[in-house]
PDB file of all heavy atoms in Angstrom:
ATOM      1  N   ASN A   1      29.514  -6.292  -6.437  1.00  0.00           N
ATOM      2  CA  ASN A   1      28.717  -7.419  -6.938  1.00  0.00           C
ATOM      3  C   ASN A   1      27.250  -7.185  -6.618  1.00  0.00           C
ATOM      4  O   ASN A   1      26.922  -6.571  -5.599  1.00  0.00           O
ATOM      5  CB  ASN A   1      29.182  -8.734  -6.270  1.00  0.00           C
ATOM      6  CG  ASN A   1      30.636  -9.014  -6.568  1.00  0.00           C
ATOM      7  OD1 ASN A   1      31.005  -9.239  -7.690  1.00  0.00           O
ATOM      8  ND2 ASN A   1      31.451  -8.947  -5.531  1.00  0.00           N
ATOM      9  N   ALA A   2      26.367  -7.703  -7.471  1.00  0.00           N
ATOM     10  CA  ALA A   2      24.948  -7.518  -7.267  1.00  0.00           C
ATOM     11  C   ALA A   2      24.185  -8.785  -7.652  1.00  0.00           C
ATOM     12  O   ALA A   2      24.592  -9.510  -8.530  1.00  0.00           O
ATOM     13  CB  ALA A   2      24.416  -6.336  -8.073  1.00  0.00           C
ATOM     14  N   ALA A   3      23.060  -8.997  -6.950  1.00  0.00           N
ATOM     15  CA  ALA A   3      22.144 -10.109  -7.261  1.00  0.00           C
ATOM     16  C   ALA A   3      20.726  -9.533  -7.300  1.00  0.00           C
ATOM     17  O   ALA A   3      20.405  -8.614  -6.539  1.00  0.00           O
ATOM     18  CB  ALA A   3      22.235 -11.196  -6.198  1.00  0.00           C
ATOM     19  N   TYR A   4      19.911 -10.034  -8.220  1.00  0.00           N
ATOM     20  CA  TYR A   4      18.570  -9.499  -8.428  1.00  0.00           C
ATOM     21  C   TYR A   4      17.527 -10.599  -8.258  1.00  0.00           C
ATOM     22  O   TYR A   4      17.765 -11.742  -8.648  1.00  0.00           O
ATOM     23  CB  TYR A   4      18.426  -8.927  -9.845  1.00  0.00           C
ATOM     24  CG  TYR A   4      19.391  -7.825 -10.162  1.00  0.00           C
ATOM     25  CD1 TYR A   4      20.673  -8.093 -10.613  1.00  0.00           C
ATOM     26  CD2 TYR A   4      19.013  -6.500  -9.985  1.00  0.00           C
ATOM     27  CE1 TYR A   4      21.548  -7.077 -10.905  1.00  0.00           C
ATOM     28  CE2 TYR A   4      19.894  -5.473 -10.274  1.00  0.00           C
ATOM     29  CZ  TYR A   4      21.156  -5.767 -10.729  1.00  0.00           C
ATOM     30  OH  TYR A   4      22.029  -4.748 -11.016  1.00  0.00           O
ATOM     31  N   LEU A   5      16.378 -10.211  -7.721  1.00  0.00           N
ATOM     32  CA  LEU A   5      15.241 -11.106  -7.600  1.00  0.00           C
ATOM     33  C   LEU A   5      13.999 -10.301  -7.988  1.00  0.00           C
ATOM     34  O   LEU A   5      13.777  -9.194  -7.456  1.00  0.00           O
ATOM     35  CB  LEU A   5      15.099 -11.603  -6.151  1.00  0.00           C
ATOM     36  CG  LEU A   5      13.925 -12.522  -5.849  1.00  0.00           C
ATOM     37  CD1 LEU A   5      14.085 -13.839  -6.605  1.00  0.00           C
ATOM     38  CD2 LEU A   5      13.845 -12.780  -4.351  1.00  0.00           C
ATOM     39  N   GLN A   6      13.216 -10.826  -8.937  1.00  0.00           N
ATOM     40  CA  GLN A   6      12.045 -10.080  -9.413  1.00  0.00           C
ATOM     41  C   GLN A   6      10.873 -11.030  -9.642  1.00  0.00           C
ATOM     42  O   GLN A   6      11.064 -12.152 -10.074  1.00  0.00           O
ATOM     43  CB  GLN A   6      12.373  -9.374 -10.736  1.00  0.00           C
ATOM     44  CG  GLN A   6      11.198  -8.648 -11.348  1.00  0.00           C
ATOM     45  CD  GLN A   6      11.577  -7.931 -12.626  1.00  0.00           C
ATOM     46  OE1 GLN A   6      12.459  -7.086 -12.614  1.00  0.00           O
ATOM     47  NE2 GLN A   6      10.930  -8.277 -13.713  1.00  0.00           N
ATOM     48  N   GLY A   7       9.667 -10.517  -9.376  1.00  0.00           N
ATOM     49  CA  GLY A   7       8.435 -11.263  -9.644  1.00  0.00           C
ATOM     50  C   GLY A   7       7.410 -10.308 -10.218  1.00  0.00           C
ATOM     51  O   GLY A   7       7.445  -9.107  -9.991  1.00  0.00           O
ATOM     52  N   SER A   8       6.482 -10.852 -11.016  1.00  0.00           N
ATOM     53  CA  SER A   8       5.446 -10.008 -11.576  1.00  0.00           C
ATOM     54  C   SER A   8       4.118 -10.751 -11.596  1.00  0.00           C
ATOM     55  O   SER A   8       4.057 -11.961 -11.595  1.00  0.00           O
ATOM     56  CB  SER A   8       5.807  -9.569 -13.011  1.00  0.00           C
ATOM     57  OG  SER A   8       5.882 -10.695 -13.866  1.00  0.00           O
ATOM     58  N   LYS A   9       3.066  -9.923 -11.586  1.00  0.00           N
ATOM     59  CA  LYS A   9       1.696 -10.473 -11.582  1.00  0.00           C
ATOM     60  C   LYS A   9       0.822  -9.532 -12.410  1.00  0.00           C
ATOM     61  O   LYS A   9       0.947  -8.310 -12.293  1.00  0.00           O
ATOM     62  CB  LYS A   9       1.179 -10.555 -10.133  1.00  0.00           C
ATOM     63  CG  LYS A   9      -0.202 -11.101  -9.984  1.00  0.00           C
ATOM     64  CD  LYS A   9      -0.249 -12.595 -10.220  1.00  0.00           C
ATOM     65  CE  LYS A   9      -1.648 -13.084  -9.895  1.00  0.00           C
ATOM     66  NZ  LYS A   9      -1.861 -14.440 -10.327  1.00  0.00           N
ATOM     67  N   VAL A  10      -0.051 -10.095 -13.239  1.00  0.00           N
ATOM     68  CA  VAL A  10      -0.968  -9.310 -14.055  1.00  0.00           C
ATOM     69  C   VAL A  10      -2.380  -9.460 -13.492  1.00  0.00           C
ATOM     70  O   VAL A  10      -2.860 -10.582 -13.302  1.00  0.00           O
ATOM     71  CB  VAL A  10      -0.935  -9.747 -15.530  1.00  0.00           C
ATOM     72  CG1 VAL A  10      -1.925  -8.951 -16.354  1.00  0.00           C
ATOM     73  CG2 VAL A  10       0.481  -9.597 -16.085  1.00  0.00           C
ATOM     74  N   PHE A  11      -3.044  -8.319 -13.240  1.00  0.00           N
ATOM     75  CA  PHE A  11      -4.423  -8.275 -12.786  1.00  0.00           C
ATOM     76  C   PHE A  11      -5.226  -7.531 -13.826  1.00  0.00           C
ATOM     77  O   PHE A  11      -5.126  -6.285 -13.908  1.00  0.00           O
ATOM     78  CB  PHE A  11      -4.543  -7.530 -11.440  1.00  0.00           C
ATOM     79  CG  PHE A  11      -3.683  -8.084 -10.350  1.00  0.00           C
ATOM     80  CD1 PHE A  11      -2.428  -7.547 -10.072  1.00  0.00           C
ATOM     81  CD2 PHE A  11      -4.128  -9.147  -9.569  1.00  0.00           C
ATOM     82  CE1 PHE A  11      -1.642  -8.046  -9.072  1.00  0.00           C
ATOM     83  CE2 PHE A  11      -3.339  -9.637  -8.543  1.00  0.00           C
ATOM     84  CZ  PHE A  11      -2.106  -9.109  -8.295  1.00  0.00           C
ATOM     85  N   ASN A  12      -5.986  -8.243 -14.653  1.00  0.00           N
ATOM     86  CA  ASN A  12      -6.724  -7.656 -15.775  1.00  0.00           C
ATOM     87  C   ASN A  12      -5.757  -6.852 -16.647  1.00  0.00           C
ATOM     88  O   ASN A  12      -4.915  -7.419 -17.319  1.00  0.00           O
ATOM     89  CB  ASN A  12      -7.912  -6.816 -15.296  1.00  0.00           C
ATOM     90  CG  ASN A  12      -8.956  -7.659 -14.602  1.00  0.00           C
ATOM     91  OD1 ASN A  12      -9.166  -8.817 -14.987  1.00  0.00           O
ATOM     92  ND2 ASN A  12      -9.588  -7.114 -13.580  1.00  0.00           N
ATOM     93  N   SER A  13      -5.814  -5.506 -16.647  1.00  0.00           N
ATOM     94  CA  SER A  13      -4.909  -4.709 -17.477  1.00  0.00           C
ATOM     95  C   SER A  13      -3.824  -4.029 -16.628  1.00  0.00           C
ATOM     96  O   SER A  13      -3.119  -3.159 -17.108  1.00  0.00           O
ATOM     97  CB  SER A  13      -5.704  -3.614 -18.195  1.00  0.00           C
ATOM     98  OG  SER A  13      -6.308  -2.737 -17.281  1.00  0.00           O
ATOM     99  N   ILE A  14      -3.668  -4.448 -15.400  1.00  0.00           N
ATOM    100  CA  ILE A  14      -2.652  -3.860 -14.500  1.00  0.00           C
ATOM    101  C   ILE A  14      -1.523  -4.873 -14.278  1.00  0.00           C
ATOM    102  O   ILE A  14      -1.773  -6.026 -13.932  1.00  0.00           O
ATOM    103  CB  ILE A  14      -3.291  -3.478 -13.144  1.00  0.00           C
ATOM    104  CG1 ILE A  14      -4.394  -2.457 -13.335  1.00  0.00           C
ATOM    105  CG2 ILE A  14      -2.218  -2.960 -12.198  1.00  0.00           C
ATOM    106  CD1 ILE A  14      -5.184  -2.161 -12.091  1.00  0.00           C
ATOM    107  N   THR A  15      -0.300  -4.414 -14.508  1.00  0.00           N
ATOM    108  CA  THR A  15       0.877  -5.238 -14.263  1.00  0.00           C
ATOM    109  C   THR A  15       1.613  -4.694 -13.031  1.00  0.00           C
ATOM    110  O   THR A  15       1.933  -3.526 -12.959  1.00  0.00           O
ATOM    111  CB  THR A  15       1.821  -5.213 -15.468  1.00  0.00           C
ATOM    112  OG1 THR A  15       1.122  -5.682 -16.622  1.00  0.00           O
ATOM    113  CG2 THR A  15       3.025  -6.101 -15.217  1.00  0.00           C
ATOM    114  N   LEU A  16       1.882  -5.591 -12.102  1.00  0.00           N
ATOM    115  CA  LEU A  16       2.620  -5.236 -10.891  1.00  0.00           C
ATOM    116  C   LEU A  16       3.910  -6.053 -10.851  1.00  0.00           C
ATOM    117  O   LEU A  16       3.880  -7.272 -10.988  1.00  0.00           O
ATOM    118  CB  LEU A  16       1.785  -5.538  -9.650  1.00  0.00           C
ATOM    119  CG  LEU A  16       2.449  -5.330  -8.296  1.00  0.00           C
ATOM    120  CD1 LEU A  16       2.776  -3.853  -8.100  1.00  0.00           C
ATOM    121  CD2 LEU A  16       1.568  -5.842  -7.180  1.00  0.00           C
ATOM    122  N   LYS A  17       5.026  -5.350 -10.745  1.00  0.00           N
ATOM    123  CA  LYS A  17       6.330  -6.017 -10.625  1.00  0.00           C
ATOM    124  C   LYS A  17       6.977  -5.565  -9.320  1.00  0.00           C
ATOM    125  O   LYS A  17       6.935  -4.392  -8.973  1.00  0.00           O
ATOM    126  CB  LYS A  17       7.255  -5.650 -11.782  1.00  0.00           C
ATOM    127  CG  LYS A  17       6.808  -6.205 -13.113  1.00  0.00           C
ATOM    128  CD  LYS A  17       7.830  -5.885 -14.182  1.00  0.00           C
ATOM    129  CE  LYS A  17       7.373  -6.412 -15.522  1.00  0.00           C
ATOM    130  NZ  LYS A  17       8.354  -6.139 -16.580  1.00  0.00           N
ATOM    131  N   ALA A  18       7.565  -6.484  -8.614  1.00  0.00           N
ATOM    132  CA  ALA A  18       8.275  -6.159  -7.383  1.00  0.00           C
ATOM    133  C   ALA A  18       9.589  -6.950  -7.376  1.00  0.00           C
ATOM    134  O   ALA A  18       9.689  -8.035  -7.954  1.00  0.00           O
ATOM    135  CB  ALA A  18       7.443  -6.532  -6.166  1.00  0.00           C
ATOM    136  N   GLY A  19      10.575  -6.392  -6.722  1.00  0.00           N
ATOM    137  CA  GLY A  19      11.858  -7.075  -6.663  1.00  0.00           C
ATOM    138  C   GLY A  19      12.803  -6.491  -5.660  1.00  0.00           C
ATOM    139  O   GLY A  19      12.531  -5.509  -4.973  1.00  0.00           O
ATOM    140  N   LEU A  20      13.970  -7.125  -5.600  1.00  0.00           N
ATOM    141  CA  LEU A  20      15.049  -6.718  -4.684  1.00  0.00           C
ATOM    142  C   LEU A  20      16.369  -6.786  -5.432  1.00  0.00           C
ATOM    143  O   LEU A  20      16.592  -7.646  -6.281  1.00  0.00           O
ATOM    144  CB  LEU A  20      15.151  -7.654  -3.490  1.00  0.00           C
ATOM    145  CG  LEU A  20      14.014  -7.656  -2.477  1.00  0.00           C
ATOM    146  CD1 LEU A  20      14.215  -8.801  -1.495  1.00  0.00           C
ATOM    147  CD2 LEU A  20      13.979  -6.335  -1.752  1.00  0.00           C
ATOM    148  N   ARG A  21      17.255  -5.856  -5.103  1.00  0.00           N
ATOM    149  CA  ARG A  21      18.637  -5.915  -5.574  1.00  0.00           C
ATOM    150  C   ARG A  21      19.517  -5.907  -4.344  1.00  0.00           C
ATOM    151  O   ARG A  21      19.403  -5.030  -3.485  1.00  0.00           O
ATOM    152  CB  ARG A  21      18.981  -4.734  -6.464  1.00  0.00           C
ATOM    153  CG  ARG A  21      20.393  -4.827  -6.998  1.00  0.00           C
ATOM    154  CD  ARG A  21      20.719  -3.690  -7.966  1.00  0.00           C
ATOM    155  NE  ARG A  21      21.359  -2.598  -7.201  1.00  0.00           N
ATOM    156  CZ  ARG A  21      21.038  -1.318  -7.355  1.00  0.00           C
ATOM    157  NH1 ARG A  21      20.123  -0.939  -8.175  1.00  0.00           N
ATOM    158  NH2 ARG A  21      21.672  -0.406  -6.627  1.00  0.00           N
ATOM    159  N   LEU A  22      20.374  -6.872  -4.235  1.00  0.00           N
ATOM    160  CA  LEU A  22      21.328  -6.981  -3.120  1.00  0.00           C
ATOM    161  C   LEU A  22      22.703  -6.635  -3.700  1.00  0.00           C
ATOM    162  O   LEU A  22      23.121  -7.221  -4.694  1.00  0.00           O
ATOM    163  CB  LEU A  22      21.332  -8.402  -2.551  1.00  0.00           C
ATOM    164  CG  LEU A  22      22.285  -8.671  -1.391  1.00  0.00           C
ATOM    165  CD1 LEU A  22      21.790  -7.929  -0.151  1.00  0.00           C
ATOM    166  CD2 LEU A  22      22.373 -10.139  -1.118  1.00  0.00           C
ATOM    167  N   GLU A  23      23.356  -5.670  -3.107  1.00  0.00           N
ATOM    168  CA  GLU A  23      24.642  -5.209  -3.640  1.00  0.00           C
ATOM    169  C   GLU A  23      25.711  -5.243  -2.570  1.00  0.00           C
ATOM    170  O   GLU A  23      25.524  -4.742  -1.461  1.00  0.00           O
ATOM    171  CB  GLU A  23      24.467  -3.782  -4.160  1.00  0.00           C
ATOM    172  CG  GLU A  23      25.661  -3.245  -4.908  1.00  0.00           C
ATOM    173  CD  GLU A  23      25.364  -1.908  -5.543  1.00  0.00           C
ATOM    174  OE1 GLU A  23      24.641  -1.870  -6.536  1.00  0.00           O
ATOM    175  OE2 GLU A  23      25.822  -0.896  -4.984  1.00  0.00           O
ATOM    176  N   SER A  24      26.839  -5.841  -2.891  1.00  0.00           N
ATOM    177  CA  SER A  24      28.000  -5.910  -1.986  1.00  0.00           C
ATOM    178  C   SER A  24      29.094  -5.005  -2.554  1.00  0.00           C
ATOM    179  O   SER A  24      29.497  -5.147  -3.694  1.00  0.00           O
ATOM    180  CB  SER A  24      28.501  -7.347  -1.923  1.00  0.00           C
ATOM    181  OG  SER A  24      29.733  -7.424  -1.241  1.00  0.00           O
ATOM    182  N   THR A  25      29.562  -4.076  -1.737  1.00  0.00           N
ATOM    183  CA  THR A  25      30.588  -3.103  -2.168  1.00  0.00           C
ATOM    184  C   THR A  25      31.819  -3.254  -1.273  1.00  0.00           C
ATOM    185  O   THR A  25      31.722  -3.219  -0.048  1.00  0.00           O
ATOM    186  CB  THR A  25      30.043  -1.672  -2.039  1.00  0.00           C
ATOM    187  OG1 THR A  25      28.861  -1.552  -2.832  1.00  0.00           O
ATOM    188  CG2 THR A  25      31.074  -0.657  -2.517  1.00  0.00           C
ATOM    189  N   ASN A  26      32.969  -3.404  -1.914  1.00  0.00           N
ATOM    190  CA  ASN A  26      34.249  -3.467  -1.205  1.00  0.00           C
ATOM    191  C   ASN A  26      35.219  -2.507  -1.911  1.00  0.00           C
ATOM    192  O   ASN A  26      35.544  -2.690  -3.068  1.00  0.00           O
ATOM    193  CB  ASN A  26      34.833  -4.881  -1.243  1.00  0.00           C
ATOM    194  CG  ASN A  26      33.942  -5.857  -0.526  1.00  0.00           C
ATOM    195  OD1 ASN A  26      33.760  -5.750   0.672  1.00  0.00           O
ATOM    196  ND2 ASN A  26      33.371  -6.780  -1.268  1.00  0.00           N
ATOM    197  N   MET A  27      35.662  -1.498  -1.168  1.00  0.00           N
ATOM    198  CA  MET A  27      36.616  -0.505  -1.707  1.00  0.00           C
ATOM    199  C   MET A  27      37.759  -0.312  -0.738  1.00  0.00           C
ATOM    200  O   MET A  27      37.553  -0.320   0.472  1.00  0.00           O
ATOM    201  CB  MET A  27      35.933   0.847  -1.914  1.00  0.00           C
ATOM    202  CG  MET A  27      34.905   0.874  -2.995  1.00  0.00           C
ATOM    203  SD  MET A  27      34.398   2.568  -3.264  1.00  0.00           S
ATOM    204  CE  MET A  27      32.651   2.409  -2.990  1.00  0.00           C
ATOM    205  N   ASN A  28      38.950  -0.129  -1.298  1.00  0.00           N
ATOM    206  CA  ASN A  28      40.147   0.091  -0.494  1.00  0.00           C
ATOM    207  C   ASN A  28      41.013   1.098  -1.231  1.00  0.00           C
ATOM    208  O   ASN A  28      41.460   0.818  -2.340  1.00  0.00           O
ATOM    209  CB  ASN A  28      40.875  -1.230  -0.272  1.00  0.00           C
ATOM    210  CG  ASN A  28      41.967  -1.122   0.763  1.00  0.00           C
ATOM    211  OD1 ASN A  28      42.176  -0.078   1.350  1.00  0.00           O
ATOM    212  ND2 ASN A  28      42.678  -2.218   0.962  1.00  0.00           N
ATOM    213  N   GLY A  29      41.228   2.278  -0.641  1.00  0.00           N
ATOM    214  CA  GLY A  29      42.011   3.308  -1.312  1.00  0.00           C
ATOM    215  C   GLY A  29      43.082   3.860  -0.398  1.00  0.00           C
ATOM    216  O   GLY A  29      42.947   3.873   0.824  1.00  0.00           O
ATOM    217  N   HIS A  30      44.171   4.318  -1.019  1.00  0.00           N
ATOM    218  CA  HIS A  30      45.293   4.863  -0.252  1.00  0.00           C
ATOM    219  C   HIS A  30      46.010   5.915  -1.082  1.00  0.00           C
ATOM    220  O   HIS A  30      46.551   5.621  -2.134  1.00  0.00           O
ATOM    221  CB  HIS A  30      46.266   3.736   0.109  1.00  0.00           C
ATOM    222  CG  HIS A  30      47.399   4.180   0.964  1.00  0.00           C
ATOM    223  ND1 HIS A  30      47.287   4.412   2.310  1.00  0.00           N
ATOM    224  CD2 HIS A  30      48.694   4.424   0.665  1.00  0.00           C
ATOM    225  CE1 HIS A  30      48.450   4.775   2.803  1.00  0.00           C
ATOM    226  NE2 HIS A  30      49.326   4.806   1.814  1.00  0.00           N
TER     227      HIS A  30
END
């Protein structure tokens, strides 16, 4: 499962985007 968080800001002609992805992994093998 994954959840995303993103934000962006424009400064004149420059675009800056920053974010996080949180991922939960559960595996079981035999």
